[in-house]
């Protein structure tokens, strides 16, 4: 039995839902098709070729499993890397990055002499009357750390990217982490503390609770009007015309061409442009969100951004479109 299979089975025994990553990559190996291809491409539905999609498209989070037979079938044949779907596993993983040489350290961290995510987390704990509880921890290939904590009962967290502190991301529902035992460019993810995950520290519960709250009533109103498919008029809008499709084609081409490191900004710009269609009543927010998430699906990885973060970026772009439209009107 391979080391990767042994590790995947061990994680499953802990109750952590695992799924395969392409060898030497952080990208999910399955599904091999997009949500839009599920029905049109013959993958989904009762007659489809992918049994996981019989009742609708199943992404990596839905396919993550603790079933030892499924795990053996997957890893016996191919040396897949291991992804852990944090939400279904009942985990909140705190991703502590390191300062990249040559990049500027922002204030106030520069003033404090802080240069990595671990030091930022310690500072936040002290400032909020808490402590960083020792827990299961993994060293990443960049020299950062993943701290695995148990999510509080009854709370469904999404993901964050720098919102609670510089060089700190968190992974929960809609996110995943690359598990120890996986290698990227011959560099391993390694367990450095094998104790059972501790409960999420209370100062992080508080900080993540703040992050979940809407930033303003204006944003809430905009999101609500968009979600119901009304663009201020109260009347449902449609998205079926050649002009809309031409705009989508142009914006998605730009998004797909975005280089690594610039994809989140490209998604925001794309959402801001398409948000104008929503504000003008040419497209519903629901349709726009679905199309944008589908277009961004190839960029959603453990270290780029999760589906929840992508949705937050898209909403920010929509909000920008609405505010710009109001200022011009």
Protein backbone atom coordinates (compact mmCIF):
# COMPACT_ATOMS: atom_id res chain seq x y z
CA UNK A 1 0.00 0.00 0.00
CA UNK A 2 1.40 3.40 -1.00
CA UNK A 3 2.22 6.14 1.49
CA UNK A 4 -0.43 8.37 -0.09
CA UNK A 5 -3.12 5.71 0.24
CA UNK A 6 -2.10 5.08 3.85
CA UNK A 7 -2.29 8.80 4.59
CA UNK A 8 -5.68 9.19 2.88
CA UNK A 9 -7.11 6.29 4.88
CA UNK A 10 -5.68 7.74 8.09
CA UNK A 11 -7.36 11.09 7.46
CA UNK A 12 -10.65 9.34 6.69
CA UNK A 13 -10.38 7.44 9.96
CA UNK A 14 -10.15 10.82 11.70
CA UNK A 15 -13.42 11.80 10.02
CA UNK A 16 -11.77 14.08 7.47
CA UNK A 17 -13.30 13.97 4.00
CA UNK A 18 -10.63 13.47 1.35
CA UNK A 19 -10.53 13.71 -2.43
CA UNK A 20 -7.81 13.25 -5.07
CA UNK A 21 -5.61 16.06 -6.37
CA UNK A 22 -3.77 15.80 -9.68
CA UNK A 23 -0.28 14.42 -9.03
CA UNK A 24 2.23 17.21 -8.31
CA UNK A 25 -0.60 19.75 -8.27
CA UNK A 26 -3.03 21.46 -5.92
CA UNK A 27 -5.93 21.10 -8.37
CA UNK A 28 -8.76 18.62 -7.76
CA UNK A 29 -8.54 15.61 -10.06
CA UNK A 30 -12.32 15.24 -10.16
CA UNK A 31 -14.74 16.10 -11.61
CA UNK A 32 -13.24 16.19 -15.08
CA UNK A 33 -16.04 18.40 -16.41
CA UNK A 34 -17.65 21.74 -15.60
CA UNK A 35 -21.10 22.23 -14.14
CA UNK A 36 -22.35 23.52 -17.50
CA UNK A 37 -21.15 20.33 -19.22
CA UNK A 38 -23.00 18.07 -16.81
CA UNK A 39 -26.20 17.80 -18.84
CA UNK A 40 -25.15 19.09 -22.25
CA UNK A 41 -22.03 16.94 -22.33
CA UNK A 42 -23.77 13.77 -21.20
CA UNK A 43 -22.07 13.56 -17.79
CA UNK A 44 -25.09 14.23 -15.57
CA UNK A 45 -28.68 13.08 -15.27
CA UNK A 46 -30.06 9.57 -15.20
CA UNK A 47 -28.37 8.65 -18.48
CA UNK A 48 -25.10 10.41 -17.75
CA UNK A 49 -21.67 8.83 -17.64
CA UNK A 50 -20.73 10.26 -14.20
CA UNK A 51 -22.75 8.50 -11.47
CA UNK A 52 -21.91 11.24 -8.96
CA UNK A 53 -23.83 13.75 -11.10
CA UNK A 54 -27.08 11.82 -11.48
CA UNK A 55 -28.89 14.25 -9.16
CA UNK A 56 -27.01 17.36 -10.24
CA UNK A 57 -23.42 18.42 -10.70
CA UNK A 58 -21.12 17.16 -7.93
CA UNK A 59 -17.91 19.09 -7.37
CA UNK A 60 -14.87 18.13 -5.33
CA UNK A 61 -16.55 19.08 -2.04
CA UNK A 62 -19.53 16.82 -2.72
CA UNK A 63 -17.23 13.98 -3.79
CA UNK A 64 -14.94 14.17 -0.76
CA UNK A 65 -15.38 11.00 1.28
CA UNK A 66 -14.44 8.98 4.34
CA UNK A 67 -15.44 5.72 2.58
CA UNK A 68 -12.36 3.48 2.73
CA UNK A 69 -13.42 1.42 -0.31
CA UNK A 70 -13.76 4.51 -2.50
CA UNK A 71 -10.45 5.82 -1.22
CA UNK A 72 -8.68 2.55 -2.00
CA UNK A 73 -10.12 2.46 -5.52
CA UNK A 74 -8.87 5.97 -6.22
CA UNK A 75 -5.38 5.84 -4.71
CA UNK A 76 -4.52 2.23 -5.61
CA UNK A 77 -4.31 3.17 -9.29
CA UNK A 78 -2.81 6.66 -9.31
CA UNK A 79 -0.43 8.56 -6.97
CA UNK A 80 -2.92 11.35 -6.39
CA UNK A 81 -2.19 14.11 -3.95
CA UNK A 82 -4.64 14.44 -1.08
CA UNK A 83 -7.13 17.24 -0.58
CA UNK A 84 -9.13 17.60 2.62
CA UNK A 85 -12.53 19.27 2.27
CA UNK A 86 -12.52 21.34 5.44
CA UNK A 87 -16.24 22.10 5.79
CA UNK A 88 -17.62 18.54 5.62
CA UNK A 89 -14.74 17.46 7.90
CA UNK A 90 -15.89 19.82 10.66
CA UNK A 91 -12.66 21.79 10.42
CA UNK A 92 -11.56 25.39 10.26
CA UNK A 93 -7.98 25.47 9.00
CA UNK A 94 -5.96 28.62 9.63
CA UNK A 95 -3.48 29.13 6.80
CA UNK A 96 -0.45 31.12 7.98
CA UNK A 97 1.69 32.39 5.14
CA UNK A 98 5.19 33.85 5.20
CA UNK A 99 6.35 37.25 4.01
CA UNK A 100 7.82 37.04 0.53
CA UNK A 101 11.31 38.51 0.25
CA UNK A 102 11.34 41.85 -1.51
CA UNK A 103 7.68 42.66 -0.87
CA UNK A 104 6.66 45.50 1.41
CA UNK A 105 5.42 44.81 4.92
CA UNK A 106 2.26 46.86 5.51
CA UNK A 107 1.47 48.93 8.58
CA UNK A 108 0.93 48.34 11.41
CA UNK A 109 2.84 45.07 11.12
CA UNK A 110 6.02 46.78 9.93
CA UNK A 111 5.97 48.95 13.05
CA UNK A 112 5.66 45.85 15.24
CA UNK A 113 8.48 44.01 13.44
CA UNK A 114 6.06 41.28 12.35
CA UNK A 115 6.83 39.44 9.11
CA UNK A 116 4.79 36.20 9.00
CA UNK A 117 1.29 34.94 9.55
CA UNK A 118 2.17 33.11 12.76
CA UNK A 119 3.37 36.34 14.37
CA UNK A 120 0.25 38.16 13.16
CA UNK A 121 -1.93 35.44 14.72
CA UNK A 122 -0.06 35.70 18.04
CA UNK A 123 -0.55 39.48 17.99
CA UNK A 124 -4.28 39.13 17.24
CA UNK A 125 -4.64 36.61 20.06
CA UNK A 126 -2.99 38.96 22.55
CA UNK A 127 -4.97 41.97 21.35
CA UNK A 128 -8.23 40.05 21.79
CA UNK A 129 -7.44 38.44 25.14
CA UNK A 130 -6.90 34.96 23.72
CA UNK A 131 -4.21 32.39 23.04
CA UNK A 132 -3.24 30.32 20.01
CA UNK A 133 -4.16 26.84 21.21
CA UNK A 134 -1.70 24.10 20.14
CA UNK A 135 -3.37 21.84 17.59
CA UNK A 136 -2.76 19.55 14.61
CA UNK A 137 -0.39 21.45 12.33
CA UNK A 138 1.18 21.01 8.89
CA UNK A 139 4.15 22.80 7.34
CA UNK A 140 3.43 23.86 3.76
CA UNK A 141 5.82 23.92 0.84
CA UNK A 142 6.17 27.71 1.13
CA UNK A 143 7.31 27.48 4.76
CA UNK A 144 3.93 28.52 6.12
CA UNK A 145 1.68 26.50 8.40
CA UNK A 146 -1.83 25.07 8.43
CA UNK A 147 -3.43 24.91 11.88
CA UNK A 148 -6.37 22.50 12.02
CA UNK A 149 -9.15 23.41 14.47
CA UNK A 150 -12.56 21.90 15.19
CA UNK A 151 -15.37 24.12 13.96
CA UNK A 152 -17.95 25.15 16.58
CA UNK A 153 -21.15 23.11 16.55
CA UNK A 154 -23.95 24.63 14.52
CA UNK A 155 -21.79 27.28 12.83
CA UNK A 156 -21.16 27.12 9.09
CA UNK A 157 -18.11 29.20 8.24
CA UNK A 158 -16.98 30.00 4.73
CA UNK A 159 -13.44 31.06 3.89
CA UNK A 160 -11.48 34.23 4.44
CA UNK A 161 -8.49 35.69 2.61
CA UNK A 162 -6.57 38.24 4.66
CA UNK A 163 -9.67 39.78 6.23
CA UNK A 164 -8.86 38.83 9.82
CA UNK A 165 -5.15 39.56 9.51
CA UNK A 166 -2.27 40.00 7.09
CA UNK A 167 -0.89 36.68 5.77
CA UNK A 168 -3.80 34.78 7.37
CA UNK A 169 -6.45 32.90 5.40
CA UNK A 170 -9.00 30.44 6.74
CA UNK A 171 -10.60 27.42 5.09
CA UNK A 172 -13.99 25.96 5.99
CA UNK A 173 -17.05 25.26 3.77
CA UNK A 174 -16.22 25.79 0.13
CA UNK A 175 -12.52 25.40 0.80
CA UNK A 176 -9.89 22.72 1.09
CA UNK A 177 -6.28 22.24 2.09
CA UNK A 178 -3.52 20.15 0.60
CA UNK A 179 -2.89 17.38 3.13
CA UNK A 180 0.41 16.24 4.57
CA UNK A 181 1.93 13.43 2.53
CA UNK A 182 1.32 15.32 -0.71
CA UNK A 183 4.31 16.65 -2.64
CA UNK A 184 4.39 19.65 -4.97
CA UNK A 185 7.55 20.07 -7.06
CA UNK A 186 9.20 17.44 -4.85
CA UNK A 187 8.48 19.54 -1.75
CA UNK A 188 6.32 17.75 0.85
CA UNK A 189 3.56 18.99 3.09
CA UNK A 190 4.63 17.68 6.51
CA UNK A 191 2.85 17.12 9.83
CA UNK A 192 4.69 19.03 12.56
CA UNK A 193 2.16 18.46 15.36
CA UNK A 194 0.07 15.27 15.26
CA UNK A 195 -2.19 15.94 18.23
CA UNK A 196 -5.96 15.92 17.69
CA UNK A 197 -7.40 19.22 16.45
CA UNK A 198 -8.28 21.58 19.28
CA UNK A 199 -11.48 23.60 19.45
CA UNK A 200 -11.32 26.83 17.48
CA UNK A 201 -9.97 29.47 19.91
CA UNK A 202 -12.61 31.93 21.09
CA UNK A 203 -10.76 34.96 19.74
CA UNK A 204 -10.93 33.37 16.27
CA UNK A 205 -14.61 32.52 16.76
CA UNK A 206 -15.15 36.22 17.44
CA UNK A 207 -13.01 37.45 14.54
CA UNK A 208 -14.60 35.03 12.09
CA UNK A 209 -18.04 35.99 13.39
CA UNK A 210 -17.30 39.62 12.58
CA UNK A 211 -16.10 38.65 9.12
CA UNK A 212 -19.41 36.88 8.42
CA UNK A 213 -21.49 40.00 9.05
CA UNK A 214 -22.49 42.17 6.07
CA UNK A 215 -20.28 45.25 5.70
CA UNK A 216 -23.16 47.68 5.21
CA UNK A 217 -26.94 47.87 4.87
CA UNK A 218 -26.42 49.23 1.37
CA UNK A 219 -24.57 46.07 0.38
CA UNK A 220 -27.30 43.96 1.94
CA UNK A 221 -30.00 45.79 0.00
CA UNK A 222 -28.09 45.45 -3.25
CA UNK A 223 -27.48 41.73 -2.72
CA UNK A 224 -31.14 41.20 -1.85
CA UNK A 225 -32.43 43.01 -4.93
CA UNK A 226 -29.97 41.15 -7.12
CA UNK A 227 -30.78 37.75 -5.61
CA UNK A 228 -34.49 38.22 -6.32
CA UNK A 229 -33.73 39.07 -9.93
CA UNK A 230 -34.92 42.68 -9.75
CA UNK A 231 -32.72 45.56 -10.78
CA UNK A 232 -34.38 48.32 -8.82
CA UNK A 233 -37.63 48.26 -10.80
CA UNK A 234 -39.22 45.34 -8.97
CA UNK A 235 -39.78 43.53 -12.25
CA UNK A 236 -37.92 40.31 -13.12
CA UNK A 237 -35.28 40.71 -15.80
CA UNK A 238 -34.09 38.34 -18.51
CA UNK A 239 -30.61 37.53 -19.78
CA UNK A 240 -31.37 36.25 -23.26
CA UNK A 241 -30.04 38.61 -25.87
CA UNK A 242 -27.07 38.75 -28.18
CA UNK A 243 -25.62 41.88 -26.59
CA UNK A 244 -25.41 40.24 -23.16
CA UNK A 245 -23.77 37.14 -24.61
CA UNK A 246 -21.24 39.27 -26.49
CA UNK A 247 -20.29 41.09 -23.29
CA UNK A 248 -19.99 37.81 -21.39
CA UNK A 249 -17.82 36.27 -24.10
CA UNK A 250 -15.44 39.25 -24.07
CA UNK A 251 -15.17 39.41 -20.27
CA UNK A 252 -14.74 35.65 -19.83
CA UNK A 253 -11.96 35.57 -22.43
CA UNK A 254 -10.10 38.17 -20.38
CA UNK A 255 -10.72 36.22 -17.18
CA UNK A 256 -9.49 32.93 -18.64
CA UNK A 257 -6.30 34.61 -19.86
CA UNK A 258 -5.48 36.09 -16.43
CA UNK A 259 -2.08 34.94 -15.12
CA UNK A 260 -1.56 33.33 -11.73
CA UNK A 261 -1.40 36.07 -9.13
CA UNK A 262 -3.80 38.29 -11.05
CA UNK A 263 -6.84 36.05 -11.23
CA UNK A 264 -8.75 37.44 -8.27
CA UNK A 265 -8.38 41.00 -9.59
CA UNK A 266 -9.42 39.81 -13.05
CA UNK A 267 -12.52 38.18 -11.57
CA UNK A 268 -13.40 41.39 -9.73
CA UNK A 269 -13.03 43.46 -12.91
CA UNK A 270 -15.12 40.93 -14.83
CA UNK A 271 -17.84 41.03 -12.15
CA UNK A 272 -17.83 44.84 -12.14
CA UNK A 273 -18.35 44.88 -15.91
CA UNK A 274 -21.08 42.24 -15.85
CA UNK A 275 -22.66 43.90 -12.81
CA UNK A 276 -23.53 46.82 -15.09
CA UNK A 277 -25.74 44.43 -17.07
CA UNK A 278 -27.53 43.51 -13.84
CA UNK A 279 -28.01 47.13 -12.82
CA UNK A 280 -29.40 47.95 -16.27
CA UNK A 281 -31.91 45.12 -16.01
CA UNK A 282 -30.38 43.06 -18.80
CA UNK A 283 -29.48 40.09 -16.61
CA UNK A 284 -30.48 38.70 -13.22
CA UNK A 285 -27.91 38.57 -10.44
CA UNK A 286 -28.58 34.85 -10.08
CA UNK A 287 -27.69 34.21 -13.74
CA UNK A 288 -24.68 36.54 -13.56
CA UNK A 289 -23.36 34.85 -10.43
CA UNK A 290 -23.77 31.37 -11.92
CA UNK A 291 -22.04 32.33 -15.16
CA UNK A 292 -19.16 34.04 -13.35
CA UNK A 293 -18.60 31.14 -10.94
CA UNK A 294 -18.58 28.73 -13.86
CA UNK A 295 -16.08 30.91 -15.74
CA UNK A 296 -13.86 31.12 -12.64
CA UNK A 297 -14.07 27.42 -11.78
CA UNK A 298 -10.73 26.60 -13.36
CA UNK A 299 -9.01 29.15 -11.12
CA UNK A 300 -10.49 27.93 -7.84
CA UNK A 301 -7.76 26.04 -5.98
CA UNK A 302 -6.53 25.67 -2.44
CA UNK A 303 -4.01 28.48 -2.75
CA UNK A 304 -5.82 30.78 -5.18
CA UNK A 305 -9.34 31.26 -3.92
CA UNK A 306 -12.23 29.08 -2.92
CA UNK A 307 -15.73 29.14 -4.36
CA UNK A 308 -16.86 31.19 -1.36
CA UNK A 309 -14.05 33.71 -1.88
CA UNK A 310 -14.84 33.84 -5.59
CA UNK A 311 -18.46 34.61 -4.76
CA UNK A 312 -17.35 37.36 -2.35
CA UNK A 313 -15.13 38.85 -5.08
CA UNK A 314 -18.01 38.74 -7.55
CA UNK A 315 -20.36 40.43 -5.09
CA UNK A 316 -17.76 43.14 -4.52
CA UNK A 317 -17.60 43.68 -8.27
CA UNK A 318 -21.40 43.85 -8.45
CA UNK A 319 -21.42 46.40 -5.63
CA UNK A 320 -18.85 48.47 -7.50
CA UNK A 321 -21.01 48.41 -10.62
CA UNK A 322 -24.08 49.52 -8.67
CA UNK A 323 -22.27 52.33 -6.85
CA UNK A 324 -20.66 53.59 -10.07
CA UNK A 325 -24.02 53.55 -11.81
CA UNK A 326 -25.59 55.56 -8.98
CA UNK A 327 -22.77 58.15 -9.08
CA UNK A 328 -23.18 58.67 -12.83
CA UNK A 329 -26.99 58.82 -12.85
